[in-house]
Protein backbone atom coordinates (compact mmCIF):
# COMPACT_ATOMS: atom_id res chain seq x y z
CA UNK A 1 156.07 114.37 87.49
CA UNK A 2 153.49 117.36 88.67
CA UNK A 3 155.00 120.23 90.31
CA UNK A 4 152.95 122.33 92.65
CA UNK A 5 151.80 125.91 90.92
CA UNK A 6 154.26 128.57 90.93
CA UNK A 7 157.38 126.35 91.63
CA UNK A 8 159.94 125.88 88.65
CA UNK A 9 159.49 122.39 86.95
CA UNK A 10 161.99 119.20 87.64
CA UNK A 11 162.73 117.23 85.45
CA UNK A 12 163.29 113.53 86.91
CA UNK A 13 167.29 112.40 86.68
CA UNK A 14 168.30 108.90 85.24
CA UNK A 15 169.73 107.70 88.25
CA UNK A 16 166.34 108.08 90.00
CA UNK A 17 164.35 106.25 87.76
CA UNK A 18 166.98 103.70 87.03
CA UNK A 19 167.15 103.04 90.94
CA UNK A 20 163.20 102.65 91.44
CA UNK A 21 163.61 99.93 88.97
CA UNK A 22 165.52 98.27 90.77
CA UNK A 23 163.71 98.81 93.49
CA UNK A 24 160.55 97.22 91.78
CA UNK A 25 162.94 94.19 90.38
CA UNK A 26 163.45 93.76 93.79
CA UNK A 27 160.07 93.29 94.57
CA UNK A 28 159.75 90.86 91.95
CA UNK A 29 162.17 88.70 93.36
CA UNK A 30 160.22 88.06 96.45
CA UNK A 31 157.63 87.23 95.23
CA UNK A 32 158.96 84.56 93.06
CA UNK A 33 161.37 83.44 96.07
CA UNK A 34 157.62 83.25 97.64
CA UNK A 35 156.46 81.29 95.02
CA UNK A 36 159.36 78.99 95.22
CA UNK A 37 159.43 78.59 99.28
CA UNK A 38 155.48 77.73 98.84
CA UNK A 39 156.10 75.45 96.75
CA UNK A 40 158.28 73.30 98.81
CA UNK A 41 157.26 74.11 101.98
CA UNK A 42 155.68 70.97 102.31
CA UNK A 43 158.55 68.75 101.69
CA UNK A 44 160.19 70.48 104.63
CA UNK A 45 157.61 69.93 106.97
CA UNK A 46 157.33 66.58 105.60
CA UNK A 47 161.18 65.82 106.60
CA UNK A 48 161.20 67.79 109.75
CA UNK A 49 158.77 65.75 111.34
CA UNK A 50 160.41 62.95 109.96
CA UNK A 51 163.68 64.28 111.32
CA UNK A 52 162.59 64.87 115.00
CA UNK A 53 159.89 62.49 115.30
CA UNK A 54 160.05 61.05 119.17
CA UNK A 55 162.33 63.80 119.95
CA UNK A 56 161.82 66.66 122.51
CA UNK A 57 161.19 68.84 119.71
CA UNK A 58 158.83 66.42 116.89
CA UNK A 59 156.77 70.14 116.82
CA UNK A 60 159.19 71.30 114.71
CA UNK A 61 157.95 70.09 111.12
CA UNK A 62 154.81 72.39 112.15
CA UNK A 63 156.67 75.68 114.10
CA UNK A 64 158.84 75.63 110.59
CA UNK A 65 155.49 75.86 108.65
CA UNK A 66 154.06 78.62 110.59
CA UNK A 67 156.76 80.35 110.15
CA UNK A 68 157.42 80.02 106.37
CA UNK A 69 153.72 80.75 106.11
CA UNK A 70 154.18 83.91 108.03
CA UNK A 71 157.31 85.46 106.58
CA UNK A 72 155.16 84.76 103.52
CA UNK A 73 152.91 87.24 104.27
CA UNK A 74 155.54 89.87 105.62
CA UNK A 75 157.62 89.45 102.18
CA UNK A 76 154.12 89.85 99.92
CA UNK A 77 153.99 93.17 102.01
CA UNK A 78 157.53 94.03 101.66
CA UNK A 79 157.10 93.79 97.98
CA UNK A 80 154.07 96.14 97.77
CA UNK A 81 156.21 98.15 100.29
CA UNK A 82 158.63 98.62 97.84
CA UNK A 83 156.56 99.50 94.72
CA UNK A 84 155.01 102.34 96.56
CA UNK A 85 158.31 103.62 97.70
CA UNK A 86 159.41 103.37 94.17
CA UNK A 87 157.01 105.04 92.85
CA UNK A 88 156.86 108.20 95.11
CA UNK A 89 160.74 108.24 94.54
CA UNK A 90 159.57 109.55 91.14
CA UNK A 91 157.48 112.00 92.59
CA UNK A 92 160.49 113.31 94.20
CA UNK A 93 159.53 112.82 97.66
CA UNK A 94 162.06 112.70 100.17
CA UNK A 95 160.07 111.41 102.92
CA UNK A 96 159.82 108.38 100.98
CA UNK A 97 163.81 108.34 99.97
CA UNK A 98 164.69 108.34 103.58
CA UNK A 99 162.77 106.08 103.98
CA UNK A 100 163.49 103.35 101.35
CA UNK A 101 167.50 103.66 102.77
CA UNK A 102 165.56 102.75 105.90
CA UNK A 103 163.86 99.63 104.58
CA UNK A 104 166.21 98.82 102.27
CA UNK A 105 169.18 99.13 104.38
CA UNK A 106 167.35 96.19 107.03
CA UNK A 107 166.89 94.04 103.69
CA UNK A 108 170.10 94.23 102.55
CA UNK A 109 171.37 92.51 106.10
CA UNK A 110 168.39 90.40 106.01
CA UNK A 111 169.01 89.18 102.15
CA UNK A 112 173.35 88.88 103.14
CA UNK A 113 172.68 86.73 106.07
CA UNK A 114 170.28 84.62 104.76
CA UNK A 115 172.82 84.39 101.84
CA UNK A 116 175.82 83.88 103.86
CA UNK A 117 173.83 80.96 105.61
CA UNK A 118 172.73 79.21 102.43
CA UNK A 119 176.42 79.14 101.11
CA UNK A 120 177.73 78.11 104.42
CA UNK A 121 175.29 74.75 104.02
CA UNK A 122 173.47 76.21 107.87
CA UNK A 123 169.77 75.46 107.26
CA UNK A 124 167.08 74.89 109.65
CA UNK A 125 167.70 72.09 112.05
CA UNK A 126 168.50 71.56 115.69
CA UNK A 127 172.00 70.49 116.33
CA UNK A 128 172.77 67.95 119.28
CA UNK A 129 171.84 68.56 122.81
CA UNK A 130 173.11 67.01 125.94
CA UNK A 131 170.76 64.50 125.76
CA UNK A 132 171.79 63.66 122.46
CA UNK A 133 167.75 63.00 121.25
CA UNK A 134 167.69 65.31 118.47
CA UNK A 135 169.66 65.05 114.82
CA UNK A 136 172.20 66.92 113.88
CA UNK A 137 172.61 69.69 111.28
CA UNK A 138 174.83 67.77 108.60
CA UNK A 139 171.75 65.25 109.39
CA UNK A 140 168.93 67.34 108.52
CA UNK A 141 170.86 68.85 105.27
CA UNK A 142 171.16 65.76 103.58
CA UNK A 143 167.61 64.70 104.14
CA UNK A 144 166.44 68.33 102.97
CA UNK A 145 169.08 67.93 99.63
CA UNK A 146 167.22 64.32 99.64
CA UNK A 147 163.86 65.77 99.81
CA UNK A 148 163.77 68.72 97.67
CA UNK A 149 164.50 69.21 93.59
CA UNK A 150 167.37 69.25 92.80
CA UNK A 151 166.70 72.59 91.40
CA UNK A 152 165.78 74.54 94.50
CA UNK A 153 168.83 75.81 96.31
CA UNK A 154 170.46 77.30 92.94
CA UNK A 155 167.44 78.97 91.92
CA UNK A 156 166.93 80.17 95.91
CA UNK A 157 170.68 81.55 95.45
CA UNK A 158 170.32 82.77 92.08
CA UNK A 159 167.22 85.13 93.30
CA UNK A 160 169.11 85.73 96.20
CA UNK A 161 172.34 87.32 94.49
CA UNK A 162 170.19 89.52 91.78
CA UNK A 163 168.44 90.93 94.73
CA UNK A 164 171.31 91.67 97.10
CA UNK A 165 173.02 93.28 94.11
CA UNK A 166 169.64 95.38 92.07
CA UNK A 167 168.98 96.93 95.86
CA UNK A 168 172.39 97.92 96.97
CA UNK A 169 172.56 99.69 93.69
CA UNK A 170 169.01 101.67 93.97
CA UNK A 171 170.08 102.47 97.55
CA UNK A 172 173.31 103.83 96.35
CA UNK A 173 171.87 105.54 93.11
CA UNK A 174 169.72 107.51 95.82
CA UNK A 175 172.45 109.24 97.39
CA UNK A 176 174.06 110.30 94.14
CA UNK A 177 174.33 114.02 93.58
CA UNK A 178 171.51 114.65 91.27
CA UNK A 179 169.68 112.61 92.94
CA UNK A 180 170.30 115.31 95.68
CA UNK A 181 169.35 117.95 93.34
CA UNK A 182 166.35 115.98 92.25
CA UNK A 183 164.80 115.66 96.45
CA UNK A 184 165.33 118.86 97.16
CA UNK A 185 162.82 121.44 98.01
CA UNK A 186 162.00 123.49 94.62
CA UNK A 187 161.85 127.33 94.92
CA UNK A 188 158.77 129.22 93.61
CA UNK A 189 159.50 130.93 90.16
CA UNK A 190 158.61 134.48 89.92
CA UNK A 191 155.55 134.89 87.61
CA UNK A 192 155.00 137.81 85.35
CA UNK A 193 151.72 139.55 85.28
CA UNK A 194 148.66 138.60 82.76
CA UNK A 195 147.66 141.05 80.32
CA UNK A 196 144.05 142.01 81.46
CA UNK A 197 144.38 140.86 84.53
CA UNK A 198 143.47 143.11 88.12
CA UNK A 199 146.29 145.22 88.91
CA UNK A 200 145.97 146.35 92.96
CA UNK A 201 144.27 149.19 94.39
CA UNK A 202 146.94 152.65 95.33
CA UNK A 203 145.89 153.35 98.60
CA UNK A 204 144.81 156.64 99.77
CA UNK A 205 146.88 159.29 101.92
CA UNK A 206 145.45 160.86 104.75
CA UNK A 207 143.05 163.96 103.41
CA UNK A 208 143.13 162.44 99.99
CA UNK A 209 140.06 160.66 98.14
CA UNK A 210 139.82 157.07 98.08
CA UNK A 211 137.70 156.88 95.08
CA UNK A 212 140.29 155.30 91.95
CA UNK A 213 140.05 157.47 89.05
CA UNK A 214 139.47 160.18 90.61
CA UNK A 215 142.39 161.40 92.62
CA UNK A 216 142.33 164.48 94.55
CA UNK A 217 144.84 167.12 96.49
CA UNK A 218 144.82 167.94 100.19
CA UNK A 219 141.91 170.55 101.29
CA UNK A 220 140.36 169.42 97.66
CA UNK A 221 136.82 167.78 97.30
CA UNK A 222 136.58 164.26 96.41
CA UNK A 223 133.51 165.32 94.33
CA UNK A 224 134.96 164.13 90.73
CA UNK A 225 132.02 166.40 89.37
CA UNK A 226 133.17 170.12 90.77
CA UNK A 227 136.57 170.67 91.16
CA UNK A 228 137.51 173.18 93.87
CA UNK A 229 140.32 175.50 95.53
CA UNK A 230 141.70 176.00 98.22
CA UNK A 231 139.53 179.19 100.16
CA UNK A 232 136.37 178.52 97.98
CA UNK A 233 133.16 177.23 98.61
CA UNK A 234 132.41 174.05 96.80
CA UNK A 235 128.75 174.03 96.77
CA UNK A 236 127.81 173.31 93.21
CA UNK A 237 126.05 176.71 90.98
CA UNK A 238 122.78 176.88 90.43
CA UNK A 239 121.47 176.39 86.73
CA UNK A 240 118.87 178.46 85.35
CA UNK A 241 115.48 176.61 85.85
CA UNK A 242 115.73 176.29 89.71
CA UNK A 243 114.06 179.39 90.91
CA UNK A 244 112.68 182.53 89.83
CA UNK A 245 114.69 185.99 89.07
CA UNK A 246 115.00 188.18 92.44
CA UNK A 247 112.57 191.12 92.54
CA UNK A 248 113.02 194.86 92.86
CA UNK A 249 113.45 194.22 96.73
CA UNK A 250 116.04 191.98 96.11
CA UNK A 251 113.69 188.90 97.35
CA UNK A 252 113.82 186.06 95.55
CA UNK A 253 110.36 184.98 94.51
CA UNK A 254 108.46 188.19 93.33
CA UNK A 255 106.75 188.47 90.30
CA UNK A 256 107.02 192.20 88.39
CA UNK A 257 104.63 192.82 85.85
CA UNK A 258 105.69 194.60 82.65
CA UNK A 259 105.70 198.01 82.08
CA UNK A 260 103.11 198.70 79.24
CA UNK A 261 105.10 200.91 76.15
CA UNK A 262 104.55 204.58 75.57
CA UNK A 263 101.50 206.27 74.17
CA UNK A 264 99.09 202.79 75.41
């Protein structure tokens, strides 16, 4: 798992990893149960057509076939969703954990209800009505048992029990304290300054120069080449050659001829 920059790396606890593997196992079982159902859906339709022929529910076989196909598509999408949730849980996404609890709770109720229905012997088929033209549930059950393979009922029951236990374990593992710490939002970690990196500029105060490297005090010039003291001008001194020497009158620019030596 890769954390965002500036956060403390988190180690994924084993309970989260195990929970994700259990979710993937439930997804695999859903696909296997889908394959088993599609393998016998043709025989189930034929049995229902024969059982309800000439009754008010003559189209029960076609309706059951269409319902099974639609449920198969939903089962496949659910299996893909469980795998995606397992991968997101491994990355510490708290939103995916909440979605896992919601979807898992619904699937848990559906799987448990289907198992209870299978154990009690209630399968699709209508009971008798007031006119008595529909076959009883026991008659539909007997015909299905005769038409379906002998391995269908035990395999479906076994897959349902394993899926129920795996899903229940995955939801419980996601609620343990170690999992709560892993899904908690990480805190940003302090990073020491890197040697050679840029340092922040020092702020200047009113009356001081803002140029870095040449600090000045109030009342002084900000020119680093000519420091001055309070009360003195800041004009730089002149250098020889800038202007000719002053003449006798003190005016600059006058030239004097040299006096001849005595006796010339």
